[in-house]
């Protein structure tokens, strides 16, 4: 959504002329982020910086609205940062990933050192064998032979013990590596999953969309993307509280995911794009088909009356607005999502509780390109 409150002024001034030719225009965003750190008094940590960057660039309008509300209500502290990340990004703390990476590096360093010691022990054993061969060539008496055999026996015992230690170290390292890989895999899934809804979070759904985009362009198949936003969600949160708001988010998430799968098959996927916005991937559907599918999901949801599970109190109906865009040849993920966002903004301006497809590209005659509502043109 474009209604980000105050960000349009930043974009309007975002030109090289405003910087006097002294750097990239995006430096304006850095200045805005710095001001937020100064005003909030928060330390410049990566997690906070990511929130501020998404805000000042307008990349996550729902996050911007929530962050501005906190700043206006009396400031933002470390707990507020954690809560905003949980509700809008859903990823694990960077410190957890860093700890896992440090543990992996420590394990690898230990194993490398043990292998180096094993190499030195093997060199010492080879030297002992070579000395024994040389002594054998000049040995004359039984006593000399006995002494030589005893030295070789001791060297062999030392080497066998070293081998057993090395095997134990390698086995322990293998187990530790397996545990670390499992933890990293869990952390990776957590970093791409929204903990509230169980859907992919912004990072997860955009990564999935990148892959789907490549496959659709390579195969010449249509891919539609919908961006849905729950209508009047803030009003609902203010009236019923955040716990009910969270339940509404879970309800809409489950509904969108299930309807997308029924309509477009197993390749369909819904994800929480941020706040009360959801991105829906609909592979194999043209623009009109995808818009109809999302509109069907909207109509089904809008007919349902939500009640509180504990006392049956009626909460009312929930609706969403959505914009739909169709992948075009040469498209980027950012461009595709931007067009869906523009269509969503149009649906909001037209009165909400509706689905609006993007305007198809115009040909030289001013008419839509043939096939622009169904698939890709190359």
Foldseek 3Di string as FASTA:
>chain_A
DPVQPPLVVLVVCQDCVNVVVPDHSCVSLVVQLVVLCVLQVEPPDPLSSVLSSCQNVVVFSLSSVVQVVQCVVPHADPVNSVVSCLFFQQADDPVVVVVLVVLLVVLVVVLVVLVVVLVVLVVVLVVLVVVLVVQVVPDDDPVSVVVSVVSNVVSVVVNVVSVVVNVVSVVVSVVVVVVSVVVVVVNVVSSQANPLQRFGHQVNVLVLVQVVLVVCLVVQWKKKKKKKAKPPLVVLCVVPNVVVSSVVLNVLQVLLQVLLCVQQNPSWGWYHNTNRMIMIMRTRFFQVSVQVSVLVSQVVQQPDWDADPPPRHTSGGIGMEMEMEMDEVPDDSVRNVVQRVVQSVVCVVVPTSHYGYGDADADPVRDHDPCSRGTYDD
